[in-house]
Amino acid sequence: MSRLIYPIYKSHLAPVRLFHFLALAVVVSRLMPRNWPGLLKPWMTAMIRCGENSLSMYCLGVLLSFVGFVILTDISGGFAMQVAVSIAGIALMIAAATFTTLEAKLDRHGPKLF
């Protein structure tokens, strides 16, 4: 049993990681109401936009993590700077996801279904 569980690497999909993801998906789908008004809050729509553009947000996140690493090693690595870099990175990702979503809506040709 321990060979099935350990070692867990990020580079491959271990059965325990897959089970954990599926369990979270089941819990969220069962506990969250279908018409929950929280889905229309600005912070939630920002997260939804990031999820809709997941590949581009992943690529941007890799680039921003490198930039954040350079800032933290060259300028300052204090707690306040770490918080500032994290908030700036999240804000940049939300702005990029919003721009990507709006651009996709403008570029879409044909009837709008939703």
PDB file of N, CA and C in Angstrom:
ATOM      1  N   MET A   1       0.817  -1.192   0.000  1.00  0.00           N
ATOM      2  CA  MET A   1       0.000   0.000   0.000  1.00  0.00           C
ATOM      3  C   MET A   1       0.864   1.260   0.000  1.00  0.00           C
ATOM      4  N   SER A   2       1.954   1.226   0.745  1.00  0.00           N
ATOM      5  CA  SER A   2       2.804   2.412   0.811  1.00  0.00           C
ATOM      6  C   SER A   2       3.468   2.700  -0.535  1.00  0.00           C
ATOM      7  N   ARG A   3       3.754   1.660  -1.345  1.00  0.00           N
ATOM      8  CA  ARG A   3       4.316   1.895  -2.674  1.00  0.00           C
ATOM      9  C   ARG A   3       3.308   2.584  -3.586  1.00  0.00           C
ATOM     10  N   LEU A   4       2.018   2.362  -3.349  1.00  0.00           N
ATOM     11  CA  LEU A   4       0.986   3.010  -4.141  1.00  0.00           C
ATOM     12  C   LEU A   4       0.878   4.490  -3.796  1.00  0.00           C
ATOM     13  N   ILE A   5       1.051   4.812  -2.522  1.00  0.00           N
ATOM     14  CA  ILE A   5       0.878   6.191  -2.067  1.00  0.00           C
ATOM     15  C   ILE A   5       2.167   7.003  -2.196  1.00  0.00           C
ATOM     16  N   TYR A   6       3.282   6.471  -1.722  1.00  0.00           N
ATOM     17  CA  TYR A   6       4.530   7.231  -1.675  1.00  0.00           C
ATOM     18  C   TYR A   6       5.521   6.685  -2.668  1.00  0.00           C
ATOM     19  N   PRO A   7       6.381   7.452  -3.242  1.00  0.00           N
ATOM     20  CA  PRO A   7       6.509   8.896  -3.169  1.00  0.00           C
ATOM     21  C   PRO A   7       5.517   9.585  -4.113  1.00  0.00           C
ATOM     22  N   ILE A   8       5.045  10.721  -3.689  1.00  0.00           N
ATOM     23  CA  ILE A   8       4.125  11.517  -4.490  1.00  0.00           C
ATOM     24  C   ILE A   8       4.927  12.645  -5.124  1.00  0.00           C
ATOM     25  N   TYR A   9       4.993  12.641  -6.447  1.00  0.00           N
ATOM     26  CA  TYR A   9       5.715  13.666  -7.186  1.00  0.00           C
ATOM     27  C   TYR A   9       4.722  14.570  -7.901  1.00  0.00           C
ATOM     28  N   LYS A  10       5.116  15.815  -8.110  1.00  0.00           N
ATOM     29  CA  LYS A  10       4.268  16.738  -8.866  1.00  0.00           C
ATOM     30  C   LYS A  10       4.236  16.390 -10.351  1.00  0.00           C
ATOM     31  N   SER A  11       5.244  15.711 -10.830  1.00  0.00           N
ATOM     32  CA  SER A  11       5.350  15.459 -12.262  1.00  0.00           C
ATOM     33  C   SER A  11       4.449  14.335 -12.762  1.00  0.00           C
ATOM     34  N   HIS A  12       3.915  13.499 -11.884  1.00  0.00           N
ATOM     35  CA  HIS A  12       2.988  12.467 -12.348  1.00  0.00           C
ATOM     36  C   HIS A  12       1.727  12.474 -11.488  1.00  0.00           C
ATOM     37  N   LEU A  13       0.694  11.892 -12.029  1.00  0.00           N
ATOM     38  CA  LEU A  13      -0.608  11.892 -11.366  1.00  0.00           C
ATOM     39  C   LEU A  13      -0.723  10.644 -10.492  1.00  0.00           C
ATOM     40  N   ALA A  14      -0.441  10.801  -9.220  1.00  0.00           N
ATOM     41  CA  ALA A  14      -0.561   9.688  -8.288  1.00  0.00           C
ATOM     42  C   ALA A  14      -2.042   9.410  -8.018  1.00  0.00           C
ATOM     43  N   PRO A  15      -2.409   8.165  -7.741  1.00  0.00           N
ATOM     44  CA  PRO A  15      -3.807   7.851  -7.456  1.00  0.00           C
ATOM     45  C   PRO A  15      -4.370   8.643  -6.277  1.00  0.00           C
ATOM     46  N   VAL A  16      -3.546   8.915  -5.282  1.00  0.00           N
ATOM     47  CA  VAL A  16      -4.017   9.671  -4.113  1.00  0.00           C
ATOM     48  C   VAL A  16      -4.323  11.112  -4.508  1.00  0.00           C
ATOM     49  N   ARG A  17      -3.519  11.705  -5.360  1.00  0.00           N
ATOM     50  CA  ARG A  17      -3.780  13.077  -5.823  1.00  0.00           C
ATOM     51  C   ARG A  17      -5.055  13.135  -6.650  1.00  0.00           C
ATOM     52  N   LEU A  18      -5.275  12.157  -7.509  1.00  0.00           N
ATOM     53  CA  LEU A  18      -6.492  12.109  -8.306  1.00  0.00           C
ATOM     54  C   LEU A  18      -7.717  11.934  -7.415  1.00  0.00           C
ATOM     55  N   PHE A  19      -7.618  11.047  -6.424  1.00  0.00           N
ATOM     56  CA  PHE A  19      -8.725  10.831  -5.495  1.00  0.00           C
ATOM     57  C   PHE A  19      -9.027  12.099  -4.701  1.00  0.00           C
ATOM     58  N   HIS A  20      -8.004  12.821  -4.293  1.00  0.00           N
ATOM     59  CA  HIS A  20      -8.186  14.062  -3.553  1.00  0.00           C
ATOM     60  C   HIS A  20      -8.918  15.090  -4.406  1.00  0.00           C
ATOM     61  N   PHE A  21      -8.535  15.236  -5.662  1.00  0.00           N
ATOM     62  CA  PHE A  21      -9.203  16.176  -6.560  1.00  0.00           C
ATOM     63  C   PHE A  21     -10.661  15.781  -6.775  1.00  0.00           C
ATOM     64  N   LEU A  22     -10.919  14.519  -7.013  1.00  0.00           N
ATOM     65  CA  LEU A  22     -12.295  14.062  -7.224  1.00  0.00           C
ATOM     66  C   LEU A  22     -13.147  14.240  -5.978  1.00  0.00           C
ATOM     67  N   ALA A  23     -12.563  14.008  -4.806  1.00  0.00           N
ATOM     68  CA  ALA A  23     -13.305  14.201  -3.558  1.00  0.00           C
ATOM     69  C   ALA A  23     -13.670  15.667  -3.371  1.00  0.00           C
ATOM     70  N   LEU A  24     -12.747  16.569  -3.664  1.00  0.00           N
ATOM     71  CA  LEU A  24     -13.058  17.996  -3.581  1.00  0.00           C
ATOM     72  C   LEU A  24     -14.141  18.394  -4.572  1.00  0.00           C
ATOM     73  N   ALA A  25     -14.094  17.847  -5.777  1.00  0.00           N
ATOM     74  CA  ALA A  25     -15.105  18.163  -6.781  1.00  0.00           C
ATOM     75  C   ALA A  25     -16.486  17.684  -6.331  1.00  0.00           C
ATOM     76  N   VAL A  26     -16.556  16.516  -5.732  1.00  0.00           N
ATOM     77  CA  VAL A  26     -17.839  15.995  -5.244  1.00  0.00           C
ATOM     78  C   VAL A  26     -18.365  16.844  -4.099  1.00  0.00           C
ATOM     79  N   VAL A  27     -17.496  17.204  -3.170  1.00  0.00           N
ATOM     80  CA  VAL A  27     -17.932  18.018  -2.022  1.00  0.00           C
ATOM     81  C   VAL A  27     -18.442  19.374  -2.490  1.00  0.00           C
ATOM     82  N   VAL A  28     -17.720  20.029  -3.391  1.00  0.00           N
ATOM     83  CA  VAL A  28     -18.148  21.337  -3.877  1.00  0.00           C
ATOM     84  C   VAL A  28     -19.450  21.222  -4.655  1.00  0.00           C
ATOM     85  N   SER A  29     -19.578  20.208  -5.485  1.00  0.00           N
ATOM     86  CA  SER A  29     -20.805  20.079  -6.285  1.00  0.00           C
ATOM     87  C   SER A  29     -22.021  19.742  -5.420  1.00  0.00           C
ATOM     88  N   ARG A  30     -21.818  19.088  -4.301  1.00  0.00           N
ATOM     89  CA  ARG A  30     -22.938  18.747  -3.414  1.00  0.00           C
ATOM     90  C   ARG A  30     -23.313  19.887  -2.461  1.00  0.00           C
ATOM     91  N   LEU A  31     -22.337  20.653  -2.017  1.00  0.00           N
ATOM     92  CA  LEU A  31     -22.608  21.662  -0.990  1.00  0.00           C
ATOM     93  C   LEU A  31     -22.947  23.036  -1.546  1.00  0.00           C
ATOM     94  N   MET A  32     -22.505  23.354  -2.756  1.00  0.00           N
ATOM     95  CA  MET A  32     -22.754  24.685  -3.290  1.00  0.00           C
ATOM     96  C   MET A  32     -24.076  24.702  -4.056  1.00  0.00           C
ATOM     97  N   PRO A  33     -25.000  25.586  -3.672  1.00  0.00           N
ATOM     98  CA  PRO A  33     -26.268  25.664  -4.402  1.00  0.00           C
ATOM     99  C   PRO A  33     -26.062  26.146  -5.835  1.00  0.00           C
ATOM    100  N   ARG A  34     -26.948  25.720  -6.716  1.00  0.00           N
ATOM    101  CA  ARG A  34     -26.817  26.043  -8.132  1.00  0.00           C
ATOM    102  C   ARG A  34     -26.931  27.544  -8.392  1.00  0.00           C
ATOM    103  N   ASN A  35     -27.788  28.244  -7.683  1.00  0.00           N
ATOM    104  CA  ASN A  35     -28.005  29.681  -7.883  1.00  0.00           C
ATOM    105  C   ASN A  35     -27.408  30.512  -6.748  1.00  0.00           C
ATOM    106  N   TRP A  36     -26.261  30.136  -6.266  1.00  0.00           N
ATOM    107  CA  TRP A  36     -25.617  30.833  -5.163  1.00  0.00           C
ATOM    108  C   TRP A  36     -25.244  32.243  -5.603  1.00  0.00           C
ATOM    109  N   PRO A  37     -25.707  33.288  -4.882  1.00  0.00           N
ATOM    110  CA  PRO A  37     -25.410  34.662  -5.295  1.00  0.00           C
ATOM    111  C   PRO A  37     -23.926  35.031  -5.178  1.00  0.00           C
ATOM    112  N   GLY A  38     -23.163  34.280  -4.435  1.00  0.00           N
ATOM    113  CA  GLY A  38     -21.732  34.556  -4.306  1.00  0.00           C
ATOM    114  C   GLY A  38     -20.968  34.394  -5.601  1.00  0.00           C
ATOM    115  N   LEU A  39     -21.545  33.638  -6.561  1.00  0.00           N
ATOM    116  CA  LEU A  39     -20.870  33.465  -7.851  1.00  0.00           C
ATOM    117  C   LEU A  39     -20.829  34.744  -8.661  1.00  0.00           C
ATOM    118  N   LEU A  40     -21.666  35.708  -8.305  1.00  0.00           N
ATOM    119  CA  LEU A  40     -21.701  36.972  -9.037  1.00  0.00           C
ATOM    120  C   LEU A  40     -20.868  38.061  -8.374  1.00  0.00           C
ATOM    121  N   LYS A  41     -20.214  37.747  -7.275  1.00  0.00           N
ATOM    122  CA  LYS A  41     -19.344  38.718  -6.608  1.00  0.00           C
ATOM    123  C   LYS A  41     -18.109  38.978  -7.461  1.00  0.00           C
ATOM    124  N   PRO A  42     -17.547  40.185  -7.379  1.00  0.00           N
ATOM    125  CA  PRO A  42     -16.372  40.511  -8.216  1.00  0.00           C
ATOM    126  C   PRO A  42     -15.171  39.593  -7.981  1.00  0.00           C
ATOM    127  N   TRP A  43     -14.911  39.211  -6.735  1.00  0.00           N
ATOM    128  CA  TRP A  43     -13.757  38.350  -6.467  1.00  0.00           C
ATOM    129  C   TRP A  43     -13.963  36.958  -7.050  1.00  0.00           C
ATOM    130  N   MET A  44     -15.213  36.509  -7.106  1.00  0.00           N
ATOM    131  CA  MET A  44     -15.486  35.186  -7.650  1.00  0.00           C
ATOM    132  C   MET A  44     -15.441  35.204  -9.180  1.00  0.00           C
ATOM    133  N   THR A  45     -15.941  36.279  -9.789  1.00  0.00           N
ATOM    134  CA  THR A  45     -15.861  36.357 -11.251  1.00  0.00           C
ATOM    135  C   THR A  45     -14.405  36.467 -11.709  1.00  0.00           C
ATOM    136  N   ALA A  46     -13.568  37.092 -10.897  1.00  0.00           N
ATOM    137  CA  ALA A  46     -12.143  37.155 -11.233  1.00  0.00           C
ATOM    138  C   ALA A  46     -11.530  35.755 -11.220  1.00  0.00           C
ATOM    139  N   MET A  47     -11.897  34.940 -10.239  1.00  0.00           N
ATOM    140  CA  MET A  47     -11.384  33.569 -10.182  1.00  0.00           C
ATOM    141  C   MET A  47     -11.937  32.738 -11.337  1.00  0.00           C
ATOM    142  N   ILE A  48     -13.194  32.954 -11.691  1.00  0.00           N
ATOM    143  CA  ILE A  48     -13.797  32.223 -12.810  1.00  0.00           C
ATOM    144  C   ILE A  48     -13.091  32.586 -14.108  1.00  0.00           C
ATOM    145  N   ARG A  49     -12.797  33.856 -14.304  1.00  0.00           N
ATOM    146  CA  ARG A  49     -12.080  34.280 -15.516  1.00  0.00           C
ATOM    147  C   ARG A  49     -10.697  33.659 -15.589  1.00  0.00           C
ATOM    148  N   CYS A  50     -10.021  33.572 -14.453  1.00  0.00           N
ATOM    149  CA  CYS A  50      -8.702  32.924 -14.445  1.00  0.00           C
ATOM    150  C   CYS A  50      -8.844  31.441 -14.796  1.00  0.00           C
ATOM    151  N   GLY A  51      -9.904  30.797 -14.328  1.00  0.00           N
ATOM    152  CA  GLY A  51     -10.133  29.398 -14.665  1.00  0.00           C
ATOM    153  C   GLY A  51     -10.510  29.196 -16.119  1.00  0.00           C
ATOM    154  N   GLU A  52     -11.232  30.138 -16.703  1.00  0.00           N
ATOM    155  CA  GLU A  52     -11.605  30.033 -18.114  1.00  0.00           C
ATOM    156  C   GLU A  52     -10.384  30.142 -19.021  1.00  0.00           C
ATOM    157  N   ASN A  53      -9.379  30.837 -18.577  1.00  0.00           N
ATOM    158  CA  ASN A  53      -8.153  31.038 -19.361  1.00  0.00           C
ATOM    159  C   ASN A  53      -6.981  30.348 -18.661  1.00  0.00           C
ATOM    160  N   SER A  54      -7.170  29.093 -18.287  1.00  0.00           N
ATOM    161  CA  SER A  54      -6.205  28.440 -17.406  1.00  0.00           C
ATOM    162  C   SER A  54      -4.821  28.268 -18.034  1.00  0.00           C
ATOM    163  N   LEU A  55      -4.747  27.949 -19.316  1.00  0.00           N
ATOM    164  CA  LEU A  55      -3.428  27.744 -19.913  1.00  0.00           C
ATOM    165  C   LEU A  55      -2.637  29.043 -19.988  1.00  0.00           C
ATOM    166  N   SER A  56      -3.278  30.110 -20.426  1.00  0.00           N
ATOM    167  CA  SER A  56      -2.564  31.384 -20.496  1.00  0.00           C
ATOM    168  C   SER A  56      -2.230  31.906 -19.099  1.00  0.00           C
ATOM    169  N   MET A  57      -3.102  31.639 -18.126  1.00  0.00           N
ATOM    170  CA  MET A  57      -2.809  32.074 -16.757  1.00  0.00           C
ATOM    171  C   MET A  57      -1.666  31.258 -16.163  1.00  0.00           C
ATOM    172  N   TYR A  58      -1.575  29.987 -16.528  1.00  0.00           N
ATOM    173  CA  TYR A  58      -0.449  29.169 -16.072  1.00  0.00           C
ATOM    174  C   TYR A  58       0.861  29.716 -16.634  1.00  0.00           C
ATOM    175  N   CYS A  59       0.858  30.013 -17.928  1.00  0.00           N
ATOM    176  CA  CYS A  59       2.075  30.550 -18.559  1.00  0.00           C
ATOM    177  C   CYS A  59       2.460  31.894 -17.955  1.00  0.00           C
ATOM    178  N   LEU A  60       1.466  32.749 -17.736  1.00  0.00           N
ATOM    179  CA  LEU A  60       1.743  34.036 -17.108  1.00  0.00           C
ATOM    180  C   LEU A  60       2.238  33.846 -15.676  1.00  0.00           C
ATOM    181  N   GLY A  61       1.665  32.884 -14.968  1.00  0.00           N
ATOM    182  CA  GLY A  61       2.105  32.612 -13.594  1.00  0.00           C
ATOM    183  C   GLY A  61       3.543  32.162 -13.521  1.00  0.00           C
ATOM    184  N   VAL A  62       3.981  31.360 -14.488  1.00  0.00           N
ATOM    185  CA  VAL A  62       5.384  30.933 -14.536  1.00  0.00           C
ATOM    186  C   VAL A  62       6.297  32.141 -14.739  1.00  0.00           C
ATOM    187  N   LEU A  63       5.907  33.015 -15.663  1.00  0.00           N
ATOM    188  CA  LEU A  63       6.698  34.219 -15.909  1.00  0.00           C
ATOM    189  C   LEU A  63       6.714  35.133 -14.685  1.00  0.00           C
ATOM    190  N   LEU A  64       5.544  35.328 -14.073  1.00  0.00           N
ATOM    191  CA  LEU A  64       5.475  36.199 -12.897  1.00  0.00           C
ATOM    192  C   LEU A  64       6.219  35.614 -11.702  1.00  0.00           C
ATOM    193  N   SER A  65       6.243  34.295 -11.576  1.00  0.00           N
ATOM    194  CA  SER A  65       6.992  33.704 -10.464  1.00  0.00           C
ATOM    195  C   SER A  65       8.489  33.955 -10.618  1.00  0.00           C
ATOM    196  N   PHE A  66       8.981  33.924 -11.857  1.00  0.00           N
ATOM    197  CA  PHE A  66      10.388  34.238 -12.079  1.00  0.00           C
ATOM    198  C   PHE A  66      10.672  35.704 -11.765  1.00  0.00           C
ATOM    199  N   VAL A  67       9.794  36.592 -12.227  1.00  0.00           N
ATOM    200  CA  VAL A  67       9.959  38.022 -11.939  1.00  0.00           C
ATOM    201  C   VAL A  67       9.902  38.268 -10.431  1.00  0.00           C
ATOM    202  N   GLY A  68       8.955  37.607  -9.761  1.00  0.00           N
ATOM    203  CA  GLY A  68       8.862  37.746  -8.303  1.00  0.00           C
ATOM    204  C   GLY A  68      10.111  37.239  -7.603  1.00  0.00           C
ATOM    205  N   PHE A  69      10.679  36.132  -8.088  1.00  0.00           N
ATOM    206  CA  PHE A  69      11.913  35.600  -7.511  1.00  0.00           C
ATOM    207  C   PHE A  69      13.053  36.598  -7.657  1.00  0.00           C
ATOM    208  N   VAL A  70      13.159  37.201  -8.829  1.00  0.00           N
ATOM    209  CA  VAL A  70      14.219  38.189  -9.063  1.00  0.00           C
ATOM    210  C   VAL A  70      14.027  39.392  -8.147  1.00  0.00           C
ATOM    211  N   ILE A  71      12.798  39.871  -8.013  1.00  0.00           N
ATOM    212  CA  ILE A  71      12.529  41.017  -7.142  1.00  0.00           C
ATOM    213  C   ILE A  71      12.869  40.687  -5.700  1.00  0.00           C
ATOM    214  N   LEU A  72      12.461  39.504  -5.249  1.00  0.00           N
ATOM    215  CA  LEU A  72      12.701  39.149  -3.843  1.00  0.00           C
ATOM    216  C   LEU A  72      14.168  38.893  -3.542  1.00  0.00           C
ATOM    217  N   THR A  73      14.932  38.422  -4.511  1.00  0.00           N
ATOM    218  CA  THR A  73      16.351  38.180  -4.240  1.00  0.00           C
ATOM    219  C   THR A  73      17.199  39.429  -4.438  1.00  0.00           C
ATOM    220  N   ASP A  74      16.830  40.287  -5.385  1.00  0.00           N
ATOM    221  CA  ASP A  74      17.652  41.467  -5.669  1.00  0.00           C
ATOM    222  C   ASP A  74      17.281  42.683  -4.834  1.00  0.00           C
ATOM    223  N   ILE A  75      16.004  42.864  -4.544  1.00  0.00           N
ATOM    224  CA  ILE A  75      15.574  44.070  -3.826  1.00  0.00           C
ATOM    225  C   ILE A  75      15.442  43.797  -2.345  1.00  0.00           C
ATOM    226  N   SER A  76      14.494  42.963  -1.989  1.00  0.00           N
ATOM    227  CA  SER A  76      14.269  42.660  -0.582  1.00  0.00           C
ATOM    228  C   SER A  76      13.472  41.379  -0.481  1.00  0.00           C
ATOM    229  N   GLY A  77      13.753  40.606   0.542  1.00  0.00           N
ATOM    230  CA  GLY A  77      13.037  39.354   0.753  1.00  0.00           C
ATOM    231  C   GLY A  77      12.203  39.374   2.009  1.00  0.00           C
ATOM    232  N   GLY A  78      11.912  40.578   2.512  1.00  0.00           N
ATOM    233  CA  GLY A  78      11.140  40.698   3.736  1.00  0.00           C
ATOM    234  C   GLY A  78       9.680  40.311   3.555  1.00  0.00           C
ATOM    235  N   PHE A  79       9.003  40.196   4.675  1.00  0.00           N
ATOM    236  CA  PHE A  79       7.605  39.771   4.663  1.00  0.00           C
ATOM    237  C   PHE A  79       6.723  40.755   3.899  1.00  0.00           C
ATOM    238  N   ALA A  80       6.940  42.042   4.114  1.00  0.00           N
ATOM    239  CA  ALA A  80       6.123  43.048   3.428  1.00  0.00           C
ATOM    240  C   ALA A  80       6.331  42.987   1.915  1.00  0.00           C
ATOM    241  N   MET A  81       7.555  42.771   1.484  1.00  0.00           N
ATOM    242  CA  MET A  81       7.832  42.668   0.049  1.00  0.00           C
ATOM    243  C   MET A  81       7.217  41.397  -0.527  1.00  0.00           C
ATOM    244  N   GLN A  82       7.234  40.307   0.219  1.00  0.00           N
ATOM    245  CA  GLN A  82       6.603  39.073  -0.248  1.00  0.00           C
ATOM    246  C   GLN A  82       5.101  39.255  -0.430  1.00  0.00           C
ATOM    247  N   VAL A  83       4.471  39.947   0.509  1.00  0.00           N
ATOM    248  CA  VAL A  83       3.037  40.213   0.394  1.00  0.00           C
ATOM    249  C   VAL A  83       2.761  41.123  -0.802  1.00  0.00           C
ATOM    250  N   ALA A  84       3.587  42.159  -0.986  1.00  0.00           N
ATOM    251  CA  ALA A  84       3.394  43.083  -2.104  1.00  0.00           C
ATOM    252  C   ALA A  84       3.573  42.381  -3.445  1.00  0.00           C
ATOM    253  N   VAL A  85       4.573  41.525  -3.557  1.00  0.00           N
ATOM    254  CA  VAL A  85       4.806  40.791  -4.800  1.00  0.00           C
ATOM    255  C   VAL A  85       3.641  39.835  -5.075  1.00  0.00           C
ATOM    256  N   SER A  86       3.142  39.176  -4.048  1.00  0.00           N
ATOM    257  CA  SER A  86       2.017  38.250  -4.219  1.00  0.00           C
ATOM    258  C   SER A  86       0.756  38.985  -4.657  1.00  0.00           C
ATOM    259  N   ILE A  87       0.455  40.096  -4.012  1.00  0.00           N
ATOM    260  CA  ILE A  87      -0.744  40.869  -4.370  1.00  0.00           C
ATOM    261  C   ILE A  87      -0.615  41.425  -5.787  1.00  0.00           C
ATOM    262  N   ALA A  88       0.569  41.917  -6.132  1.00  0.00           N
ATOM    263  CA  ALA A  88       0.775  42.439  -7.488  1.00  0.00           C
ATOM    264  C   ALA A  88       0.635  41.327  -8.529  1.00  0.00           C
ATOM    265  N   GLY A  89       1.153  40.153  -8.235  1.00  0.00           N
ATOM    266  CA  GLY A  89       1.034  39.030  -9.166  1.00  0.00           C
ATOM    267  C   GLY A  89      -0.408  38.601  -9.365  1.00  0.00           C
ATOM    268  N   ILE A  90      -1.169  38.527  -8.277  1.00  0.00           N
ATOM    269  CA  ILE A  90      -2.586  38.161  -8.374  1.00  0.00           C
ATOM    270  C   ILE A  90      -3.349  39.215  -9.165  1.00  0.00           C
ATOM    271  N   ALA A  91      -3.066  40.486  -8.902  1.00  0.00           N
ATOM    272  CA  ALA A  91      -3.748  41.562  -9.624  1.00  0.00           C
ATOM    273  C   ALA A  91      -3.417  41.522 -11.116  1.00  0.00           C
ATOM    274  N   LEU A  92      -2.159  41.255 -11.457  1.00  0.00           N
ATOM    275  CA  LEU A  92      -1.779  41.164 -12.865  1.00  0.00           C
ATOM    276  C   LEU A  92      -2.447  39.972 -13.553  1.00  0.00           C
ATOM    277  N   MET A  93      -2.556  38.859 -12.852  1.00  0.00           N
ATOM    278  CA  MET A  93      -3.210  37.692 -13.436  1.00  0.00           C
ATOM    279  C   MET A  93      -4.696  37.940 -13.639  1.00  0.00           C
ATOM    280  N   ILE A  94      -5.349  38.605 -12.688  1.00  0.00           N
ATOM    281  CA  ILE A  94      -6.767  38.923 -12.831  1.00  0.00           C
ATOM    282  C   ILE A  94      -6.970  39.892 -13.990  1.00  0.00           C
ATOM    283  N   ALA A  95      -6.107  40.895 -14.095  1.00  0.00           N
ATOM    284  CA  ALA A  95      -6.227  41.855 -15.191  1.00  0.00           C
ATOM    285  C   ALA A  95      -6.011  41.170 -16.535  1.00  0.00           C
ATOM    286  N   ALA A  96      -5.036  40.287 -16.622  1.00  0.00           N
ATOM    287  CA  ALA A  96      -4.775  39.581 -17.885  1.00  0.00           C
ATOM    288  C   ALA A  96      -5.934  38.651 -18.240  1.00  0.00           C
ATOM    289  N   ALA A  97      -6.503  37.972 -17.250  1.00  0.00           N
ATOM    290  CA  ALA A  97      -7.638  37.086 -17.515  1.00  0.00           C
ATOM    291  C   ALA A  97      -8.862  37.874 -17.953  1.00  0.00           C
ATOM    292  N   THR A  98      -9.096  39.017 -17.325  1.00  0.00           N
ATOM    293  CA  THR A  98     -10.229  39.865 -17.718  1.00  0.00           C
ATOM    294  C   THR A  98     -10.043  40.382 -19.135  1.00  0.00           C
ATOM    295  N   PHE A  99      -8.843  40.838 -19.453  1.00  0.00           N
ATOM    296  CA  PHE A  99      -8.559  41.321 -20.802  1.00  0.00           C
ATOM    297  C   PHE A  99      -8.715  40.209 -21.828  1.00  0.00           C
ATOM    298  N   THR A 100      -8.226  39.012 -21.510  1.00  0.00           N
ATOM    299  CA  THR A 100      -8.343  37.883 -22.430  1.00  0.00           C
ATOM    300  C   THR A 100      -9.794  37.495 -22.662  1.00  0.00           C
ATOM    301  N   THR A 101     -10.599  37.503 -21.601  1.00  0.00           N
ATOM    302  CA  THR A 101     -12.014  37.177 -21.739  1.00  0.00           C
ATOM    303  C   THR A 101     -12.740  38.220 -22.570  1.00  0.00           C
ATOM    304  N   LEU A 102     -12.481  39.489 -22.301  1.00  0.00           N
ATOM    305  CA  LEU A 102     -13.137  40.544 -23.075  1.00  0.00           C
ATOM    306  C   LEU A 102     -12.705  40.527 -24.540  1.00  0.00           C
ATOM    307  N   GLU A 103     -11.445  40.260 -24.780  1.00  0.00           N
ATOM    308  CA  GLU A 103     -10.957  40.178 -26.151  1.00  0.00           C
ATOM    309  C   GLU A 103     -11.588  38.997 -26.882  1.00  0.00           C
ATOM    310  N   ALA A 104     -11.759  37.881 -26.214  1.00  0.00           N
ATOM    311  CA  ALA A 104     -12.386  36.716 -26.833  1.00  0.00           C
ATOM    312  C   ALA A 104     -13.849  36.999 -27.167  1.00  0.00           C
ATOM    313  N   LYS A 105     -14.534  37.756 -26.311  1.00  0.00           N
ATOM    314  CA  LYS A 105     -15.924  38.098 -26.591  1.00  0.00           C
ATOM    315  C   LYS A 105     -16.028  39.032 -27.793  1.00  0.00           C
ATOM    316  N   LEU A 106     -15.074  39.943 -27.943  1.00  0.00           N
ATOM    317  CA  LEU A 106     -15.098  40.859 -29.076  1.00  0.00           C
ATOM    318  C   LEU A 106     -14.723  40.172 -30.381  1.00  0.00           C
ATOM    319  N   ASP A 107     -13.850  39.176 -30.304  1.00  0.00           N
ATOM    320  CA  ASP A 107     -13.399  38.477 -31.504  1.00  0.00           C
ATOM    321  C   ASP A 107     -14.376  37.412 -31.983  1.00  0.00           C
ATOM    322  N   ARG A 108     -15.326  37.040 -31.150  1.00  0.00           N
ATOM    323  CA  ARG A 108     -16.248  35.959 -31.501  1.00  0.00           C
ATOM    324  C   ARG A 108     -17.184  36.411 -32.616  1.00  0.00           C
ATOM    325  N   HIS A 109     -17.266  35.607 -33.660  1.00  0.00           N
ATOM    326  CA  HIS A 109     -18.166  35.893 -34.772  1.00  0.00           C
ATOM    327  C   HIS A 109     -19.328  34.921 -34.718  1.00  0.00           C
ATOM    328  N   GLY A 110     -20.462  35.350 -35.135  1.00  0.00           N
ATOM    329  CA  GLY A 110     -21.625  34.484 -35.147  1.00  0.00           C
ATOM    330  C   GLY A 110     -22.552  34.784 -33.973  1.00  0.00           C
ATOM    331  N   PRO A 111     -23.561  33.957 -33.792  1.00  0.00           N
ATOM    332  CA  PRO A 111     -24.539  34.213 -32.732  1.00  0.00           C
ATOM    333  C   PRO A 111     -23.926  33.971 -31.355  1.00  0.00           C
ATOM    334  N   LYS A 112     -24.313  34.813 -30.421  1.00  0.00           N
ATOM    335  CA  LYS A 112     -23.873  34.657 -29.037  1.00  0.00           C
ATOM    336  C   LYS A 112     -24.910  33.831 -28.308  1.00  0.00           C
ATOM    337  N   LEU A 113     -24.500  32.683 -27.817  1.00  0.00           N
ATOM    338  CA  LEU A 113     -25.435  31.758 -27.188  1.00  0.00           C
ATOM    339  C   LEU A 113     -25.726  32.115 -25.742  1.00  0.00           C
ATOM    340  N   PHE A 114     -24.746  32.660 -25.066  1.00  0.00           N
ATOM    341  CA  PHE A 114     -24.942  32.970 -23.647  1.00  0.00           C
ATOM    342  C   PHE A 114     -24.628  34.420 -23.376  1.00  0.00           C
TER     343      PHE A 114
END
